[in-house]
C-alpha atoms as a PDB file:
ATOM      1  CA  MET A   1      86.419  77.129 136.682  1.00  0.00           C
ATOM      2  CA  ALA A   2      87.226  80.046 134.391  1.00  0.00           C
ATOM      3  CA  TYR A   3      90.661  81.310 133.499  1.00  0.00           C
ATOM      4  CA  VAL A   4      92.054  84.645 134.702  1.00  0.00           C
ATOM      5  CA  ILE A   5      94.668  86.971 133.247  1.00  0.00           C
ATOM      6  CA  SER A   6      97.350  88.234 135.628  1.00  0.00           C
ATOM      7  CA  SER A   7      99.065  91.603 135.678  1.00  0.00           C
ATOM      8  CA  ASP A   8     101.868  89.998 133.621  1.00  0.00           C
ATOM      9  CA  CYS A   9      99.632  90.566 130.561  1.00  0.00           C
ATOM     10  CA  VAL A  10     101.367  92.598 127.834  1.00  0.00           C
ATOM     11  CA  ALA A  11      98.088  93.258 125.962  1.00  0.00           C
ATOM     12  CA  CYS A  12      99.200  91.523 122.763  1.00  0.00           C
ATOM     13  CA  GLY A  13      95.738  90.118 121.996  1.00  0.00           C
ATOM     14  CA  ALA A  14      96.830  86.546 121.262  1.00  0.00           C
ATOM     15  CA  CYS A  15      94.424  85.217 123.878  1.00  0.00           C
ATOM     16  CA  ALA A  16      91.413  87.072 122.490  1.00  0.00           C
ATOM     17  CA  GLU A  17      92.134  85.849 118.964  1.00  0.00           C
ATOM     18  CA  SER A  18      92.291  82.233 120.152  1.00  0.00           C
ATOM     19  CA  CYS A  19      89.110  82.257 122.286  1.00  0.00           C
ATOM     20  CA  PRO A  20      86.378  80.215 120.550  1.00  0.00           C
ATOM     21  CA  VAL A  21      83.537  81.924 122.468  1.00  0.00           C
ATOM     22  CA  SER A  22      84.816  85.537 122.482  1.00  0.00           C
ATOM     23  CA  ALA A  23      85.055  85.629 126.281  1.00  0.00           C
ATOM     24  CA  ILE A  24      88.147  87.855 126.236  1.00  0.00           C
ATOM     25  CA  SER A  25      88.115  91.590 125.705  1.00  0.00           C
ATOM     26  CA  GLU A  26      90.565  94.443 125.995  1.00  0.00           C
ATOM     27  CA  GLY A  27      90.490  96.216 129.342  1.00  0.00           C
ATOM     28  CA  GLU A  28      92.150  99.481 130.310  1.00  0.00           C
ATOM     29  CA  SER A  29      95.655  98.093 130.802  1.00  0.00           C
ATOM     30  CA  GLN A  30      95.318  94.390 129.969  1.00  0.00           C
ATOM     31  CA  TYR A  31      92.899  91.871 128.538  1.00  0.00           C
ATOM     32  CA  ILE A  32      90.133  90.433 130.733  1.00  0.00           C
ATOM     33  CA  ILE A  33      88.142  87.194 130.648  1.00  0.00           C
ATOM     34  CA  ASP A  34      84.376  87.137 131.221  1.00  0.00           C
ATOM     35  CA  ALA A  35      83.974  84.167 133.584  1.00  0.00           C
ATOM     36  CA  ASP A  36      80.292  83.798 132.660  1.00  0.00           C
ATOM     37  CA  VAL A  37      81.178  83.227 129.002  1.00  0.00           C
ATOM     38  CA  CYS A  38      84.433  81.248 129.405  1.00  0.00           C
ATOM     39  CA  VAL A  39      84.019  77.543 128.589  1.00  0.00           C
ATOM     40  CA  ASP A  40      87.276  76.563 130.316  1.00  0.00           C
ATOM     41  CA  CYS A  41      88.915  75.223 127.147  1.00  0.00           C
ATOM     42  CA  GLY A  42      92.418  76.551 127.905  1.00  0.00           C
ATOM     43  CA  SER A  43      93.049  77.863 124.415  1.00  0.00           C
ATOM     44  CA  CYS A  44      93.918  81.302 125.751  1.00  0.00           C
ATOM     45  CA  ALA A  45      96.475  79.978 128.229  1.00  0.00           C
ATOM     46  CA  SER A  46      98.231  77.865 125.633  1.00  0.00           C
ATOM     47  CA  ASN A  47      98.480  80.848 123.250  1.00  0.00           C
ATOM     48  CA  CYS A  48      99.714  83.431 125.756  1.00  0.00           C
ATOM     49  CA  PRO A  49     103.360  84.276 124.968  1.00  0.00           C
ATOM     50  CA  VAL A  50     104.099  85.491 128.518  1.00  0.00           C
ATOM     51  CA  GLU A  51     102.144  82.792 130.412  1.00  0.00           C
ATOM     52  CA  ALA A  52      99.907  85.401 132.067  1.00  0.00           C
ATOM     53  CA  ILE A  53      96.790  83.188 132.039  1.00  0.00           C
ATOM     54  CA  ALA A  54      95.906  80.485 134.580  1.00  0.00           C
ATOM     55  CA  GLN A  55      92.836  78.765 135.950  1.00  0.00           C
ATOM     56  CA  ALA A  56      91.125  80.650 138.751  1.00  0.00           C
END
């Protein structure tokens, strides 16, 4: 089960920097997670300063 980024995202990039498989990229208004690449490690969620990331 991959993680998802909610609209609470402030586009700081902390999640993308912490992703070990580069599954996170910058979208138009917030970062997005590629569910096919995500390995469900939770690193992004634990590094998000606004708690905008949760399991889908």
